[in-house]
């Protein structure tokens, strides 16, 4: 087992001393979610399932994109309404000038 994985194993053991580490368990360590893939006599094989930092960044980008999309649609509708109102005023002005 690599020194890094052994370090993670030792930290998990220290933090979860009352629990038994079994295959299939999931722990959070250093911003990453670790999945215990395989038990070994000398240690464990750890698979980092997700890195939480990337998920937070992805979630932030999705929410930002949705907000920008909603604001963009609202501004487009507002501009279209202003153009339509202006067109109605111009049409009325043209009709009154033709009548008189």
N, C-alpha and C. Protein backbone atom coordinates (compact mmCIF):
# COMPACT_ATOMS: atom_id res chain seq x y z
N UNK A 1 0.85 -1.17 0.00
CA UNK A 1 0.00 0.00 0.00
C UNK A 1 0.90 1.24 0.00
N UNK A 2 0.49 2.25 -0.75
CA UNK A 2 1.29 3.46 -0.85
C UNK A 2 1.27 4.22 0.48
N UNK A 3 2.28 5.03 0.72
CA UNK A 3 2.33 5.79 1.97
C UNK A 3 1.11 6.71 2.14
N UNK A 4 0.64 7.26 1.04
CA UNK A 4 -0.52 8.16 1.10
C UNK A 4 -1.76 7.40 1.55
N UNK A 5 -1.97 6.22 0.97
CA UNK A 5 -3.14 5.43 1.35
C UNK A 5 -3.02 4.95 2.79
N UNK A 6 -1.80 4.63 3.21
CA UNK A 6 -1.59 4.21 4.60
C UNK A 6 -1.89 5.37 5.55
N UNK A 7 -1.49 6.58 5.14
CA UNK A 7 -1.76 7.77 5.95
C UNK A 7 -3.28 7.99 6.07
N UNK A 8 -3.98 7.84 4.95
CA UNK A 8 -5.44 7.98 4.96
C UNK A 8 -6.05 6.91 5.87
N UNK A 9 -5.55 5.70 5.74
CA UNK A 9 -6.05 4.60 6.57
C UNK A 9 -5.86 4.91 8.04
N UNK A 10 -4.67 5.39 8.40
CA UNK A 10 -4.38 5.71 9.80
C UNK A 10 -5.29 6.82 10.31
N UNK A 11 -5.51 7.84 9.47
CA UNK A 11 -6.38 8.94 9.88
C UNK A 11 -7.83 8.48 10.04
N UNK A 12 -8.27 7.63 9.13
CA UNK A 12 -9.63 7.10 9.25
C UNK A 12 -9.74 6.28 10.52
N UNK A 13 -8.75 5.45 10.79
CA UNK A 13 -8.75 4.65 12.01
C UNK A 13 -8.81 5.54 13.24
N UNK A 14 -8.03 6.66 13.22
CA UNK A 14 -8.00 7.56 14.37
C UNK A 14 -9.34 8.27 14.56
N UNK A 15 -9.93 8.69 13.44
CA UNK A 15 -11.18 9.44 13.52
C UNK A 15 -12.39 8.54 13.74
N UNK A 16 -12.32 7.33 13.29
CA UNK A 16 -13.44 6.41 13.42
C UNK A 16 -13.00 5.20 14.23
N UNK A 17 -12.38 5.45 15.39
CA UNK A 17 -11.80 4.36 16.18
C UNK A 17 -12.86 3.41 16.72
N UNK A 18 -14.09 3.91 16.91
CA UNK A 18 -15.13 3.05 17.48
C UNK A 18 -15.81 2.19 16.42
N UNK A 19 -15.55 2.49 15.16
CA UNK A 19 -16.21 1.73 14.10
C UNK A 19 -15.20 0.79 13.43
N UNK A 20 -15.72 -0.23 12.83
CA UNK A 20 -14.89 -1.17 12.07
C UNK A 20 -14.94 -0.76 10.62
N UNK A 21 -13.78 -0.65 10.00
CA UNK A 21 -13.73 -0.29 8.58
C UNK A 21 -13.98 -1.54 7.77
N UNK A 22 -15.02 -1.50 6.97
CA UNK A 22 -15.39 -2.66 6.15
C UNK A 22 -15.43 -2.25 4.69
N UNK A 23 -15.40 -3.26 3.85
CA UNK A 23 -15.52 -3.02 2.41
C UNK A 23 -16.89 -2.41 2.13
N UNK A 24 -16.90 -1.40 1.31
CA UNK A 24 -18.16 -0.74 0.97
C UNK A 24 -18.46 0.48 1.81
N UNK A 25 -17.70 0.68 2.89
CA UNK A 25 -17.91 1.86 3.73
C UNK A 25 -17.46 3.11 3.00
N UNK A 26 -18.09 4.22 3.36
CA UNK A 26 -17.74 5.50 2.75
C UNK A 26 -17.41 6.48 3.88
N UNK A 27 -16.29 7.15 3.75
CA UNK A 27 -15.86 8.13 4.74
C UNK A 27 -15.52 9.43 4.04
N UNK A 28 -15.60 10.52 4.80
CA UNK A 28 -15.19 11.82 4.26
C UNK A 28 -13.85 12.17 4.87
N UNK A 29 -12.89 12.49 4.01
CA UNK A 29 -11.57 12.87 4.49
C UNK A 29 -10.99 13.96 3.60
N UNK A 30 -10.60 15.06 4.18
CA UNK A 30 -9.90 16.14 3.49
C UNK A 30 -10.67 16.62 2.25
N UNK A 31 -11.96 16.81 2.39
CA UNK A 31 -12.78 17.32 1.29
C UNK A 31 -13.11 16.29 0.24
N UNK A 32 -12.67 15.05 0.42
CA UNK A 32 -12.96 14.00 -0.55
C UNK A 32 -13.81 12.92 0.12
N UNK A 33 -14.65 12.31 -0.66
CA UNK A 33 -15.41 11.17 -0.16
C UNK A 33 -14.64 9.93 -0.56
N UNK A 34 -14.26 9.14 0.43
CA UNK A 34 -13.46 7.95 0.17
C UNK A 34 -14.33 6.72 0.27
N UNK A 35 -14.15 5.83 -0.65
CA UNK A 35 -14.90 4.58 -0.67
C UNK A 35 -13.93 3.44 -0.46
N UNK A 36 -14.19 2.64 0.56
CA UNK A 36 -13.31 1.52 0.85
C UNK A 36 -13.64 0.41 -0.14
N UNK A 37 -12.68 0.12 -1.00
CA UNK A 37 -12.92 -0.84 -2.08
C UNK A 37 -12.58 -2.25 -1.64
N UNK A 38 -11.49 -2.38 -0.90
CA UNK A 38 -11.02 -3.72 -0.60
C UNK A 38 -10.31 -3.71 0.75
N UNK A 39 -10.57 -4.73 1.54
CA UNK A 39 -9.86 -4.86 2.82
C UNK A 39 -8.62 -5.71 2.60
N UNK A 40 -7.56 -5.34 3.28
CA UNK A 40 -6.34 -6.14 3.23
C UNK A 40 -5.85 -6.31 4.66
N UNK A 41 -4.97 -7.27 4.86
CA UNK A 41 -4.47 -7.51 6.21
C UNK A 41 -3.67 -6.32 6.72
N UNK A 42 -2.87 -5.71 5.87
CA UNK A 42 -2.03 -4.62 6.31
C UNK A 42 -2.72 -3.26 6.17
N UNK A 43 -3.82 -3.19 5.50
CA UNK A 43 -4.47 -1.90 5.32
C UNK A 43 -5.70 -2.03 4.46
N UNK A 44 -6.04 -0.97 3.80
CA UNK A 44 -7.23 -0.95 2.96
C UNK A 44 -6.87 -0.37 1.60
N UNK A 45 -7.68 -0.69 0.63
CA UNK A 45 -7.55 -0.07 -0.68
C UNK A 45 -8.63 1.00 -0.75
N UNK A 46 -8.21 2.23 -1.00
CA UNK A 46 -9.13 3.36 -0.97
C UNK A 46 -9.36 3.87 -2.38
N UNK A 47 -10.61 4.12 -2.69
CA UNK A 47 -10.94 4.74 -3.97
C UNK A 47 -11.63 6.06 -3.66
N UNK A 48 -11.11 7.13 -4.21
CA UNK A 48 -11.74 8.43 -3.99
C UNK A 48 -12.90 8.55 -4.97
N UNK A 49 -14.10 8.48 -4.43
CA UNK A 49 -15.30 8.47 -5.28
C UNK A 49 -15.54 9.86 -5.86
N UNK A 50 -15.56 10.85 -5.02
CA UNK A 50 -15.81 12.21 -5.47
C UNK A 50 -14.86 13.15 -4.78
N UNK A 51 -14.55 14.21 -5.42
CA UNK A 51 -13.87 15.27 -4.71
C UNK A 51 -14.91 16.36 -4.51
N UNK A 52 -15.25 16.64 -3.27
CA UNK A 52 -16.35 17.55 -2.97
C UNK A 52 -16.12 18.94 -3.54
N UNK A 53 -14.87 19.37 -3.61
CA UNK A 53 -14.60 20.71 -4.12
C UNK A 53 -15.09 20.85 -5.56
N UNK A 54 -14.87 19.83 -6.37
CA UNK A 54 -15.32 19.90 -7.76
C UNK A 54 -16.83 19.88 -7.86
N UNK A 55 -17.49 19.13 -7.00
CA UNK A 55 -18.95 19.11 -7.02
C UNK A 55 -19.52 20.45 -6.60
N UNK A 56 -18.91 21.10 -5.62
CA UNK A 56 -19.38 22.42 -5.19
C UNK A 56 -19.19 23.42 -6.33
N UNK A 57 -18.04 23.35 -7.00
CA UNK A 57 -17.79 24.25 -8.13
C UNK A 57 -18.79 24.00 -9.25
N UNK A 58 -19.04 22.73 -9.56
CA UNK A 58 -19.99 22.39 -10.62
C UNK A 58 -21.40 22.88 -10.27
N UNK A 59 -21.80 22.69 -9.02
CA UNK A 59 -23.11 23.15 -8.57
C UNK A 59 -23.21 24.67 -8.67
N UNK A 60 -22.15 25.37 -8.27
CA UNK A 60 -22.12 26.82 -8.38
C UNK A 60 -22.27 27.28 -9.82
N UNK A 61 -21.56 26.62 -10.74
CA UNK A 61 -21.64 26.99 -12.15
C UNK A 61 -23.04 26.73 -12.72
N UNK A 62 -23.65 25.62 -12.33
CA UNK A 62 -25.00 25.32 -12.81
C UNK A 62 -25.99 26.36 -12.31
N UNK A 63 -25.92 26.69 -11.03
CA UNK A 63 -26.85 27.68 -10.46
C UNK A 63 -26.63 29.04 -11.10
N UNK A 64 -25.37 29.42 -11.30
CA UNK A 64 -25.06 30.70 -11.94
C UNK A 64 -25.60 30.73 -13.37
N UNK A 65 -25.41 29.64 -14.09
CA UNK A 65 -25.92 29.57 -15.46
C UNK A 65 -27.43 29.68 -15.52
N UNK A 66 -28.11 29.01 -14.60
CA UNK A 66 -29.58 29.11 -14.57
C UNK A 66 -30.04 30.53 -14.26
N UNK A 67 -29.38 31.16 -13.29
CA UNK A 67 -29.75 32.54 -12.93
C UNK A 67 -29.52 33.49 -14.11
N UNK A 68 -28.38 33.34 -14.78
CA UNK A 68 -28.10 34.20 -15.93
C UNK A 68 -29.11 33.96 -17.05
N UNK A 69 -29.49 32.70 -17.24
CA UNK A 69 -30.48 32.39 -18.26
C UNK A 69 -31.83 33.02 -17.95
N UNK A 70 -32.25 32.94 -16.69
CA UNK A 70 -33.54 33.54 -16.30
C UNK A 70 -33.50 35.05 -16.45
N UNK A 71 -32.41 35.67 -16.03
CA UNK A 71 -32.27 37.13 -16.18
C UNK A 71 -32.26 37.51 -17.65
N UNK A 72 -31.58 36.73 -18.47
CA UNK A 72 -31.54 37.01 -19.91
C UNK A 72 -32.92 36.95 -20.55
N UNK A 73 -33.69 35.94 -20.18
CA UNK A 73 -35.05 35.82 -20.72
C UNK A 73 -35.92 36.99 -20.25
N UNK A 74 -35.79 37.36 -18.97
CA UNK A 74 -36.59 38.48 -18.44
C UNK A 74 -36.25 39.78 -19.15
N UNK A 75 -34.98 40.03 -19.38
CA UNK A 75 -34.57 41.26 -20.08
C UNK A 75 -35.08 41.25 -21.52
N UNK A 76 -35.01 40.11 -22.17
CA UNK A 76 -35.51 40.01 -23.55
C UNK A 76 -37.01 40.30 -23.62
N UNK A 77 -37.77 39.73 -22.69
CA UNK A 77 -39.23 39.98 -22.66
C UNK A 77 -39.51 41.45 -22.37
N UNK A 78 -38.75 42.04 -21.45
CA UNK A 78 -38.94 43.46 -21.13
C UNK A 78 -38.66 44.34 -22.33
N UNK A 79 -37.60 44.09 -23.05
CA UNK A 79 -37.26 44.88 -24.23
C UNK A 79 -38.33 44.70 -25.31
N UNK A 80 -38.79 43.46 -25.49
CA UNK A 80 -39.83 43.20 -26.49
C UNK A 80 -41.12 43.96 -26.14
N UNK A 81 -41.47 43.98 -24.85
CA UNK A 81 -42.67 44.73 -24.43
C UNK A 81 -42.51 46.23 -24.65
N UNK A 82 -41.33 46.76 -24.35
CA UNK A 82 -41.09 48.18 -24.57
C UNK A 82 -41.18 48.54 -26.05
N UNK A 83 -40.64 47.68 -26.90
CA UNK A 83 -40.72 47.92 -28.35
C UNK A 83 -42.18 47.86 -28.81
N UNK A 84 -42.93 46.89 -28.27
CA UNK A 84 -44.34 46.77 -28.67
C UNK A 84 -45.14 47.98 -28.22
N UNK A 85 -44.88 48.47 -27.01
CA UNK A 85 -45.60 49.66 -26.51
C UNK A 85 -45.26 50.88 -27.37
N UNK A 86 -43.98 51.00 -27.71
CA UNK A 86 -43.57 52.14 -28.55
C UNK A 86 -44.21 52.05 -29.93
N UNK A 87 -44.31 50.84 -30.45
CA UNK A 87 -44.93 50.66 -31.77
C UNK A 87 -46.41 51.03 -31.73
N UNK A 88 -47.09 50.69 -30.64
CA UNK A 88 -48.51 51.05 -30.52
C UNK A 88 -48.70 52.56 -30.47
N UNK A 89 -47.82 53.23 -29.70
CA UNK A 89 -47.90 54.70 -29.61
C UNK A 89 -47.68 55.34 -30.97
N UNK A 90 -46.70 54.85 -31.70
CA UNK A 90 -46.39 55.41 -33.03
C UNK A 90 -47.56 55.17 -33.98
N UNK A 91 -48.17 53.98 -33.87
CA UNK A 91 -49.30 53.66 -34.75
C UNK A 91 -50.47 54.59 -34.46
N UNK A 92 -50.74 54.85 -33.15
CA UNK A 92 -51.83 55.75 -32.78
C UNK A 92 -51.54 57.17 -33.26
N UNK A 93 -50.28 57.58 -33.12
CA UNK A 93 -49.91 58.93 -33.56
C UNK A 93 -50.08 59.07 -35.07
N UNK A 94 -49.71 58.03 -35.81
CA UNK A 94 -49.86 58.08 -37.27
C UNK A 94 -51.33 58.12 -37.66
N UNK A 95 -52.18 57.36 -36.96
CA UNK A 95 -53.61 57.35 -37.28
C UNK A 95 -54.25 58.70 -36.98
N UNK A 96 -53.89 59.31 -35.84
CA UNK A 96 -54.50 60.61 -35.51
C UNK A 96 -54.06 61.69 -36.49
N UNK A 97 -52.84 61.61 -36.96
CA UNK A 97 -52.38 62.63 -37.92
C UNK A 97 -53.08 62.44 -39.28
N UNK A 98 -53.39 61.18 -39.63
CA UNK A 98 -54.09 60.93 -40.88
C UNK A 98 -55.54 61.38 -40.80
N UNK A 99 -56.16 61.21 -39.63
CA UNK A 99 -57.58 61.58 -39.46
C UNK A 99 -57.74 63.10 -39.49
N UNK A 100 -56.83 63.82 -38.86
CA UNK A 100 -56.99 65.27 -38.79
C UNK A 100 -56.40 65.94 -40.00
